[in-house]
């Protein structure tokens, strides 16, 4: 589904990733780990099309998307959560989702979007008035993360880039979000997860583990998660 070839990422002259080769297939969940500042979020942002200094090729479903901007990558089926979701005054949660959905399919009726929005908000245990509230305004950290998942459910992407989707969540909310992600994923979707919460990995059961250290990305079997949990990242430096 996604392939990165000889992929290098630099920010302000600092090289974070050097000639990385990476692939994820439909039906797979991959964990992406590494010390703080190693480049995990930067890699996801680069995949999403953020204008870092990027060299190499990006292929999505066998199409070269190296030159596509973020909005076109989104329309193609790539979805990324924000580590720190923004708030927007003057526009409702529903309006943001409505316009995003209709950008992909202008024939979808607003009533249908609203019904689905309310249904997903209920699954996420957001308030009954969540569709009317201003976008993330005065929302807790946990509510903002739930809103990210609600947008995922509404936009129905093929590739999920989940950047610390668990931060700010209590145990119950983490369980709800993990179950919704697991239930969403099918044989024709894929997911890359960045998290410091090993409980989330317990829920999602990734098939591969990638560790970024010293500008390199190395791939391991899932049992590496337990080793990292016990020993940390010093073993990679």
C-alpha atoms as a PDB file:
ATOM      1  CA  UNK A   1       0.000   0.000   0.000  1.00  0.00           C
ATOM      2  CA  UNK A   2       2.782   2.437   0.944  1.00  0.00           C
ATOM      3  CA  UNK A   3       6.418   2.276  -0.166  1.00  0.00           C
ATOM      4  CA  UNK A   4       9.235   4.672   0.639  1.00  0.00           C
ATOM      5  CA  UNK A   5      12.378   4.330  -1.490  1.00  0.00           C
ATOM      6  CA  UNK A   6      15.740   5.823  -0.425  1.00  0.00           C
ATOM      7  CA  UNK A   7      13.797   8.224   1.772  1.00  0.00           C
ATOM      8  CA  UNK A   8      15.713  10.997   3.546  1.00  0.00           C
ATOM      9  CA  UNK A   9      14.196  13.764   5.669  1.00  0.00           C
ATOM     10  CA  UNK A  10      15.983  16.888   6.936  1.00  0.00           C
ATOM     11  CA  UNK A  11      14.659  19.841   8.925  1.00  0.00           C
ATOM     12  CA  UNK A  12      16.628  23.081   9.145  1.00  0.00           C
ATOM     13  CA  UNK A  13      19.722  21.304   7.930  1.00  0.00           C
ATOM     14  CA  UNK A  14      19.456  18.468  10.479  1.00  0.00           C
ATOM     15  CA  UNK A  15      19.097  15.037   8.896  1.00  0.00           C
ATOM     16  CA  UNK A  16      16.470  12.992  10.756  1.00  0.00           C
ATOM     17  CA  UNK A  17      16.230  10.046   8.360  1.00  0.00           C
ATOM     18  CA  UNK A  18      18.852   8.837   5.932  1.00  0.00           C
ATOM     19  CA  UNK A  19      17.944   6.635   2.935  1.00  0.00           C
ATOM     20  CA  UNK A  20      15.112   4.766   4.631  1.00  0.00           C
ATOM     21  CA  UNK A  21      13.305   2.002   2.736  1.00  0.00           C
ATOM     22  CA  UNK A  22       9.911   1.065   4.105  1.00  0.00           C
ATOM     23  CA  UNK A  23       6.770  -0.770   3.013  1.00  0.00           C
ATOM     24  CA  UNK A  24       3.411  -1.563   4.556  1.00  0.00           C
ATOM     25  CA  UNK A  25       0.857  -3.876   2.954  1.00  0.00           C
ATOM     26  CA  UNK A  26      -2.952  -3.883   3.190  1.00  0.00           C
ATOM     27  CA  UNK A  27      -4.175  -5.530   6.381  1.00  0.00           C
ATOM     28  CA  UNK A  28      -1.032  -4.694   8.377  1.00  0.00           C
ATOM     29  CA  UNK A  29      -0.496  -2.634  11.528  1.00  0.00           C
ATOM     30  CA  UNK A  30       3.031  -1.320  12.088  1.00  0.00           C
ATOM     31  CA  UNK A  31       4.398   0.265  15.255  1.00  0.00           C
ATOM     32  CA  UNK A  32       6.870   3.134  14.853  1.00  0.00           C
ATOM     33  CA  UNK A  33       9.056   3.827  17.874  1.00  0.00           C
ATOM     34  CA  UNK A  34      12.219   5.666  18.842  1.00  0.00           C
ATOM     35  CA  UNK A  35      13.626   8.141  21.355  1.00  0.00           C
ATOM     36  CA  UNK A  36      12.105  11.610  21.611  1.00  0.00           C
ATOM     37  CA  UNK A  37      13.275  13.738  18.696  1.00  0.00           C
ATOM     38  CA  UNK A  38      14.334  10.772  16.586  1.00  0.00           C
ATOM     39  CA  UNK A  39      12.012  11.686  13.715  1.00  0.00           C
ATOM     40  CA  UNK A  40       8.857   9.580  14.169  1.00  0.00           C
ATOM     41  CA  UNK A  41       6.381  12.431  13.789  1.00  0.00           C
ATOM     42  CA  UNK A  42       8.513  14.012  11.079  1.00  0.00           C
ATOM     43  CA  UNK A  43       8.355  10.789   9.066  1.00  0.00           C
ATOM     44  CA  UNK A  44       4.552  10.695   9.316  1.00  0.00           C
ATOM     45  CA  UNK A  45       4.347  14.371   8.358  1.00  0.00           C
ATOM     46  CA  UNK A  46       6.603  13.758   5.371  1.00  0.00           C
ATOM     47  CA  UNK A  47       4.421  10.843   4.241  1.00  0.00           C
ATOM     48  CA  UNK A  48       1.440  13.174   4.521  1.00  0.00           C
ATOM     49  CA  UNK A  49       3.203  15.694   2.276  1.00  0.00           C
ATOM     50  CA  UNK A  50       4.473  18.363   4.654  1.00  0.00           C
ATOM     51  CA  UNK A  51       7.140  20.452   2.968  1.00  0.00           C
ATOM     52  CA  UNK A  52      10.281  19.300   4.736  1.00  0.00           C
ATOM     53  CA  UNK A  53      13.531  18.731   2.842  1.00  0.00           C
ATOM     54  CA  UNK A  54      12.616  15.260   1.555  1.00  0.00           C
ATOM     55  CA  UNK A  55      14.556  13.129  -0.888  1.00  0.00           C
ATOM     56  CA  UNK A  56      13.448   9.796  -2.286  1.00  0.00           C
ATOM     57  CA  UNK A  57      10.201   8.419  -3.654  1.00  0.00           C
ATOM     58  CA  UNK A  58       6.764   7.842  -2.099  1.00  0.00           C
ATOM     59  CA  UNK A  59       4.367   5.324  -3.637  1.00  0.00           C
ATOM     60  CA  UNK A  60       0.775   4.813  -2.508  1.00  0.00           C
ATOM     61  CA  UNK A  61      -1.142   1.920  -4.062  1.00  0.00           C
ATOM     62  CA  UNK A  62       1.584   1.700  -6.721  1.00  0.00           C
ATOM     63  CA  UNK A  63       1.170   5.349  -7.731  1.00  0.00           C
ATOM     64  CA  UNK A  64       4.023   7.825  -7.369  1.00  0.00           C
ATOM     65  CA  UNK A  65       2.717  10.532  -5.018  1.00  0.00           C
ATOM     66  CA  UNK A  66       6.100  12.128  -4.321  1.00  0.00           C
ATOM     67  CA  UNK A  67       4.978  15.512  -5.669  1.00  0.00           C
ATOM     68  CA  UNK A  68       1.384  15.455  -4.368  1.00  0.00           C
ATOM     69  CA  UNK A  69       0.444  18.091  -1.732  1.00  0.00           C
ATOM     70  CA  UNK A  70      -1.204  17.014   1.562  1.00  0.00           C
ATOM     71  CA  UNK A  71      -4.795  17.624   0.418  1.00  0.00           C
ATOM     72  CA  UNK A  72      -4.351  15.396  -2.629  1.00  0.00           C
ATOM     73  CA  UNK A  73      -2.770  12.681  -0.494  1.00  0.00           C
ATOM     74  CA  UNK A  74      -5.750  12.926   1.819  1.00  0.00           C
ATOM     75  CA  UNK A  75      -8.172  12.546  -1.076  1.00  0.00           C
ATOM     76  CA  UNK A  76      -6.162   9.526  -2.244  1.00  0.00           C
ATOM     77  CA  UNK A  77      -6.883   7.834   1.088  1.00  0.00           C
ATOM     78  CA  UNK A  78      -4.124   8.778   3.565  1.00  0.00           C
ATOM     79  CA  UNK A  79      -5.217  10.068   6.977  1.00  0.00           C
ATOM     80  CA  UNK A  80      -3.034  11.464   9.745  1.00  0.00           C
ATOM     81  CA  UNK A  81      -3.973  12.458  13.271  1.00  0.00           C
ATOM     82  CA  UNK A  82      -2.424  15.507  14.887  1.00  0.00           C
ATOM     83  CA  UNK A  83      -0.227  15.019  17.924  1.00  0.00           C
ATOM     84  CA  UNK A  84      -1.787  18.239  19.245  1.00  0.00           C
ATOM     85  CA  UNK A  85      -5.129  18.823  17.471  1.00  0.00           C
ATOM     86  CA  UNK A  86      -5.914  22.470  16.831  1.00  0.00           C
ATOM     87  CA  UNK A  87      -9.080  24.378  17.728  1.00  0.00           C
ATOM     88  CA  UNK A  88     -10.984  26.662  15.365  1.00  0.00           C
ATOM     89  CA  UNK A  89     -13.317  29.395  16.537  1.00  0.00           C
ATOM     90  CA  UNK A  90     -16.435  30.184  14.530  1.00  0.00           C
ATOM     91  CA  UNK A  91     -16.892  26.792  12.859  1.00  0.00           C
ATOM     92  CA  UNK A  92     -18.571  23.713  14.292  1.00  0.00           C
ATOM     93  CA  UNK A  93     -17.255  20.175  14.564  1.00  0.00           C
ATOM     94  CA  UNK A  94     -19.987  19.090  12.173  1.00  0.00           C
ATOM     95  CA  UNK A  95     -19.117  21.774   9.608  1.00  0.00           C
ATOM     96  CA  UNK A  96     -15.490  20.674   9.411  1.00  0.00           C
ATOM     97  CA  UNK A  97     -16.482  17.059   8.878  1.00  0.00           C
ATOM     98  CA  UNK A  98     -19.308  17.915   6.489  1.00  0.00           C
ATOM     99  CA  UNK A  99     -17.049  19.922   4.181  1.00  0.00           C
ATOM    100  CA  UNK A 100     -14.324  17.265   4.331  1.00  0.00           C
ATOM    101  CA  UNK A 101     -16.766  14.510   3.377  1.00  0.00           C
ATOM    102  CA  UNK A 102     -18.410  16.525   0.616  1.00  0.00           C
ATOM    103  CA  UNK A 103     -15.012  17.438  -0.815  1.00  0.00           C
ATOM    104  CA  UNK A 104     -14.654  13.731  -1.576  1.00  0.00           C
ATOM    105  CA  UNK A 105     -18.244  13.135  -2.667  1.00  0.00           C
ATOM    106  CA  UNK A 106     -20.449  16.136  -3.343  1.00  0.00           C
ATOM    107  CA  UNK A 107     -23.503  13.898  -3.790  1.00  0.00           C
ATOM    108  CA  UNK A 108     -23.636  12.871  -0.114  1.00  0.00           C
ATOM    109  CA  UNK A 109     -26.669  14.395   1.605  1.00  0.00           C
ATOM    110  CA  UNK A 110     -26.052  16.581   4.643  1.00  0.00           C
ATOM    111  CA  UNK A 111     -28.709  14.669   6.607  1.00  0.00           C
ATOM    112  CA  UNK A 112     -26.803  11.431   5.971  1.00  0.00           C
ATOM    113  CA  UNK A 113     -23.557  13.023   7.148  1.00  0.00           C
ATOM    114  CA  UNK A 114     -25.216  14.356  10.309  1.00  0.00           C
ATOM    115  CA  UNK A 115     -26.769  10.978  11.140  1.00  0.00           C
ATOM    116  CA  UNK A 116     -23.439   9.213  10.734  1.00  0.00           C
ATOM    117  CA  UNK A 117     -21.649  11.958  12.690  1.00  0.00           C
ATOM    118  CA  UNK A 118     -24.015  11.597  15.657  1.00  0.00           C
ATOM    119  CA  UNK A 119     -23.714   7.817  15.556  1.00  0.00           C
ATOM    120  CA  UNK A 120     -19.921   7.944  15.660  1.00  0.00           C
ATOM    121  CA  UNK A 121     -19.947  10.626  18.360  1.00  0.00           C
ATOM    122  CA  UNK A 122     -22.111   8.312  20.464  1.00  0.00           C
ATOM    123  CA  UNK A 123     -19.679   5.411  19.963  1.00  0.00           C
ATOM    124  CA  UNK A 124     -16.888   7.684  21.174  1.00  0.00           C
ATOM    125  CA  UNK A 125     -18.957   8.847  24.164  1.00  0.00           C
ATOM    126  CA  UNK A 126     -18.820  12.474  23.075  1.00  0.00           C
ATOM    127  CA  UNK A 127     -21.710  14.725  24.086  1.00  0.00           C
ATOM    128  CA  UNK A 128     -25.042  14.786  22.264  1.00  0.00           C
ATOM    129  CA  UNK A 129     -24.322  18.374  21.213  1.00  0.00           C
ATOM    130  CA  UNK A 130     -20.854  17.568  19.885  1.00  0.00           C
ATOM    131  CA  UNK A 131     -21.913  18.336  16.305  1.00  0.00           C
ATOM    132  CA  UNK A 132     -22.895  21.866  17.372  1.00  0.00           C
ATOM    133  CA  UNK A 133     -19.837  22.694  19.431  1.00  0.00           C
ATOM    134  CA  UNK A 134     -17.086  24.791  17.887  1.00  0.00           C
ATOM    135  CA  UNK A 135     -14.223  22.771  16.472  1.00  0.00           C
ATOM    136  CA  UNK A 136     -12.245  21.483  19.472  1.00  0.00           C
ATOM    137  CA  UNK A 137     -12.886  24.769  21.299  1.00  0.00           C
ATOM    138  CA  UNK A 138     -12.524  24.283  25.076  1.00  0.00           C
ATOM    139  CA  UNK A 139     -12.324  20.541  24.437  1.00  0.00           C
ATOM    140  CA  UNK A 140     -10.206  18.364  26.690  1.00  0.00           C
ATOM    141  CA  UNK A 141      -7.163  16.550  25.347  1.00  0.00           C
ATOM    142  CA  UNK A 142      -9.120  13.305  25.348  1.00  0.00           C
ATOM    143  CA  UNK A 143     -12.061  14.858  23.471  1.00  0.00           C
ATOM    144  CA  UNK A 144      -9.710  16.209  20.822  1.00  0.00           C
ATOM    145  CA  UNK A 145      -8.196  12.759  20.299  1.00  0.00           C
ATOM    146  CA  UNK A 146     -11.681  11.252  20.035  1.00  0.00           C
ATOM    147  CA  UNK A 147     -12.531  13.904  17.433  1.00  0.00           C
ATOM    148  CA  UNK A 148      -9.548  12.731  15.393  1.00  0.00           C
ATOM    149  CA  UNK A 149     -10.972   9.207  15.388  1.00  0.00           C
ATOM    150  CA  UNK A 150     -14.442  10.523  14.538  1.00  0.00           C
ATOM    151  CA  UNK A 151     -12.973  12.239  11.473  1.00  0.00           C
ATOM    152  CA  UNK A 152     -11.239   8.988  10.523  1.00  0.00           C
ATOM    153  CA  UNK A 153     -14.522   7.097  10.732  1.00  0.00           C
ATOM    154  CA  UNK A 154     -16.273   9.705   8.591  1.00  0.00           C
ATOM    155  CA  UNK A 155     -13.572  10.056   5.899  1.00  0.00           C
ATOM    156  CA  UNK A 156     -12.936   6.297   5.583  1.00  0.00           C
ATOM    157  CA  UNK A 157      -9.238   6.432   4.609  1.00  0.00           C
ATOM    158  CA  UNK A 158      -7.172   3.434   3.514  1.00  0.00           C
ATOM    159  CA  UNK A 159      -3.926   4.282   5.332  1.00  0.00           C
ATOM    160  CA  UNK A 160      -3.973   5.542   8.926  1.00  0.00           C
ATOM    161  CA  UNK A 161      -1.038   7.494  10.355  1.00  0.00           C
ATOM    162  CA  UNK A 162      -1.791   7.660  14.082  1.00  0.00           C
ATOM    163  CA  UNK A 163       0.545  10.003  15.945  1.00  0.00           C
ATOM    164  CA  UNK A 164       0.150   9.543  19.716  1.00  0.00           C
ATOM    165  CA  UNK A 165      -3.597   9.098  19.391  1.00  0.00           C
ATOM    166  CA  UNK A 166      -3.628   7.851  22.992  1.00  0.00           C
ATOM    167  CA  UNK A 167      -2.259  10.964  24.721  1.00  0.00           C
ATOM    168  CA  UNK A 168      -4.721  12.542  27.141  1.00  0.00           C
ATOM    169  CA  UNK A 169      -6.945   9.461  27.261  1.00  0.00           C
ATOM    170  CA  UNK A 170      -7.984   7.675  30.417  1.00  0.00           C
ATOM    171  CA  UNK A 171      -8.115   3.873  30.512  1.00  0.00           C
ATOM    172  CA  UNK A 172     -11.750   3.656  29.381  1.00  0.00           C
ATOM    173  CA  UNK A 173     -11.281   6.110  26.518  1.00  0.00           C
ATOM    174  CA  UNK A 174      -8.146   4.281  25.374  1.00  0.00           C
ATOM    175  CA  UNK A 175     -10.130   1.038  25.231  1.00  0.00           C
ATOM    176  CA  UNK A 176     -12.936   2.684  23.212  1.00  0.00           C
ATOM    177  CA  UNK A 177     -10.545   4.213  20.676  1.00  0.00           C
ATOM    178  CA  UNK A 178      -8.447   1.062  20.330  1.00  0.00           C
ATOM    179  CA  UNK A 179     -11.567  -1.040  19.698  1.00  0.00           C
ATOM    180  CA  UNK A 180     -12.846   1.411  17.075  1.00  0.00           C
ATOM    181  CA  UNK A 181      -9.476   1.399  15.302  1.00  0.00           C
ATOM    182  CA  UNK A 182      -9.316  -2.412  15.352  1.00  0.00           C
ATOM    183  CA  UNK A 183     -12.877  -2.717  14.074  1.00  0.00           C
ATOM    184  CA  UNK A 184     -12.170  -0.174  11.337  1.00  0.00           C
ATOM    185  CA  UNK A 185      -9.118  -1.946   9.985  1.00  0.00           C
ATOM    186  CA  UNK A 186      -9.798  -4.538   7.284  1.00  0.00           C
ATOM    187  CA  UNK A 187      -7.844  -6.503   4.714  1.00  0.00           C
ATOM    188  CA  UNK A 188      -7.670  -3.439   2.440  1.00  0.00           C
ATOM    189  CA  UNK A 189      -6.570  -0.875   5.035  1.00  0.00           C
ATOM    190  CA  UNK A 190      -3.280  -0.376   6.882  1.00  0.00           C
ATOM    191  CA  UNK A 191      -2.081   1.535   9.943  1.00  0.00           C
ATOM    192  CA  UNK A 192       1.172   3.042  11.241  1.00  0.00           C
ATOM    193  CA  UNK A 193       1.049   3.837  14.964  1.00  0.00           C
ATOM    194  CA  UNK A 194       3.379   6.104  16.948  1.00  0.00           C
ATOM    195  CA  UNK A 195       2.933   5.839  20.702  1.00  0.00           C
ATOM    196  CA  UNK A 196       4.814   5.670  23.994  1.00  0.00           C
ATOM    197  CA  UNK A 197       1.887   3.758  25.515  1.00  0.00           C
ATOM    198  CA  UNK A 198       2.540   0.043  25.286  1.00  0.00           C
ATOM    199  CA  UNK A 199      -1.038  -0.646  26.345  1.00  0.00           C
ATOM    200  CA  UNK A 200      -2.169   0.666  22.960  1.00  0.00           C
ATOM    201  CA  UNK A 201       0.166  -1.769  21.232  1.00  0.00           C
ATOM    202  CA  UNK A 202      -1.294  -4.549  23.378  1.00  0.00           C
ATOM    203  CA  UNK A 203      -4.720  -3.646  21.991  1.00  0.00           C
ATOM    204  CA  UNK A 204      -3.692  -3.259  18.348  1.00  0.00           C
ATOM    205  CA  UNK A 205      -1.170  -6.135  18.097  1.00  0.00           C
ATOM    206  CA  UNK A 206       1.126  -4.716  15.385  1.00  0.00           C
ATOM    207  CA  UNK A 207       2.660  -7.189  12.935  1.00  0.00           C
ATOM    208  CA  UNK A 208       5.934  -5.277  12.591  1.00  0.00           C
ATOM    209  CA  UNK A 209       7.928  -2.917  14.788  1.00  0.00           C
ATOM    210  CA  UNK A 210      10.146  -0.164  13.376  1.00  0.00           C
ATOM    211  CA  UNK A 211      12.656   1.772  15.469  1.00  0.00           C
ATOM    212  CA  UNK A 212      14.213   5.063  14.367  1.00  0.00           C
ATOM    213  CA  UNK A 213      17.632   5.724  15.882  1.00  0.00           C
ATOM    214  CA  UNK A 214      20.675   7.589  14.558  1.00  0.00           C
ATOM    215  CA  UNK A 215      18.787   8.553  11.361  1.00  0.00           C
ATOM    216  CA  UNK A 216      18.177   4.905  10.482  1.00  0.00           C
ATOM    217  CA  UNK A 217      14.988   2.850  10.525  1.00  0.00           C
ATOM    218  CA  UNK A 218      15.320  -0.793  11.529  1.00  0.00           C
ATOM    219  CA  UNK A 219      12.541  -3.387  11.443  1.00  0.00           C
ATOM    220  CA  UNK A 220      11.850  -6.067  14.062  1.00  0.00           C
ATOM    221  CA  UNK A 221       9.319  -8.685  15.035  1.00  0.00           C
ATOM    222  CA  UNK A 222       6.523  -7.754  17.502  1.00  0.00           C
ATOM    223  CA  UNK A 223       8.439  -9.213  20.479  1.00  0.00           C
ATOM    224  CA  UNK A 224      10.755  -6.192  20.241  1.00  0.00           C
ATOM    225  CA  UNK A 225       8.015  -4.163  21.933  1.00  0.00           C
ATOM    226  CA  UNK A 226       8.511  -6.038  25.201  1.00  0.00           C
ATOM    227  CA  UNK A 227      12.273  -5.603  24.982  1.00  0.00           C
ATOM    228  CA  UNK A 228      11.910  -1.849  24.469  1.00  0.00           C
ATOM    229  CA  UNK A 229       9.438  -1.670  27.344  1.00  0.00           C
ATOM    230  CA  UNK A 230      11.925  -3.429  29.627  1.00  0.00           C
ATOM    231  CA  UNK A 231      15.214  -1.953  28.419  1.00  0.00           C
ATOM    232  CA  UNK A 232      14.408   1.347  26.692  1.00  0.00           C
ATOM    233  CA  UNK A 233      16.226   2.715  23.648  1.00  0.00           C
ATOM    234  CA  UNK A 234      19.835   2.642  24.876  1.00  0.00           C
ATOM    235  CA  UNK A 235      20.244  -0.682  23.081  1.00  0.00           C
ATOM    236  CA  UNK A 236      19.886   1.132  19.741  1.00  0.00           C
ATOM    237  CA  UNK A 237      22.422   3.925  20.354  1.00  0.00           C
END
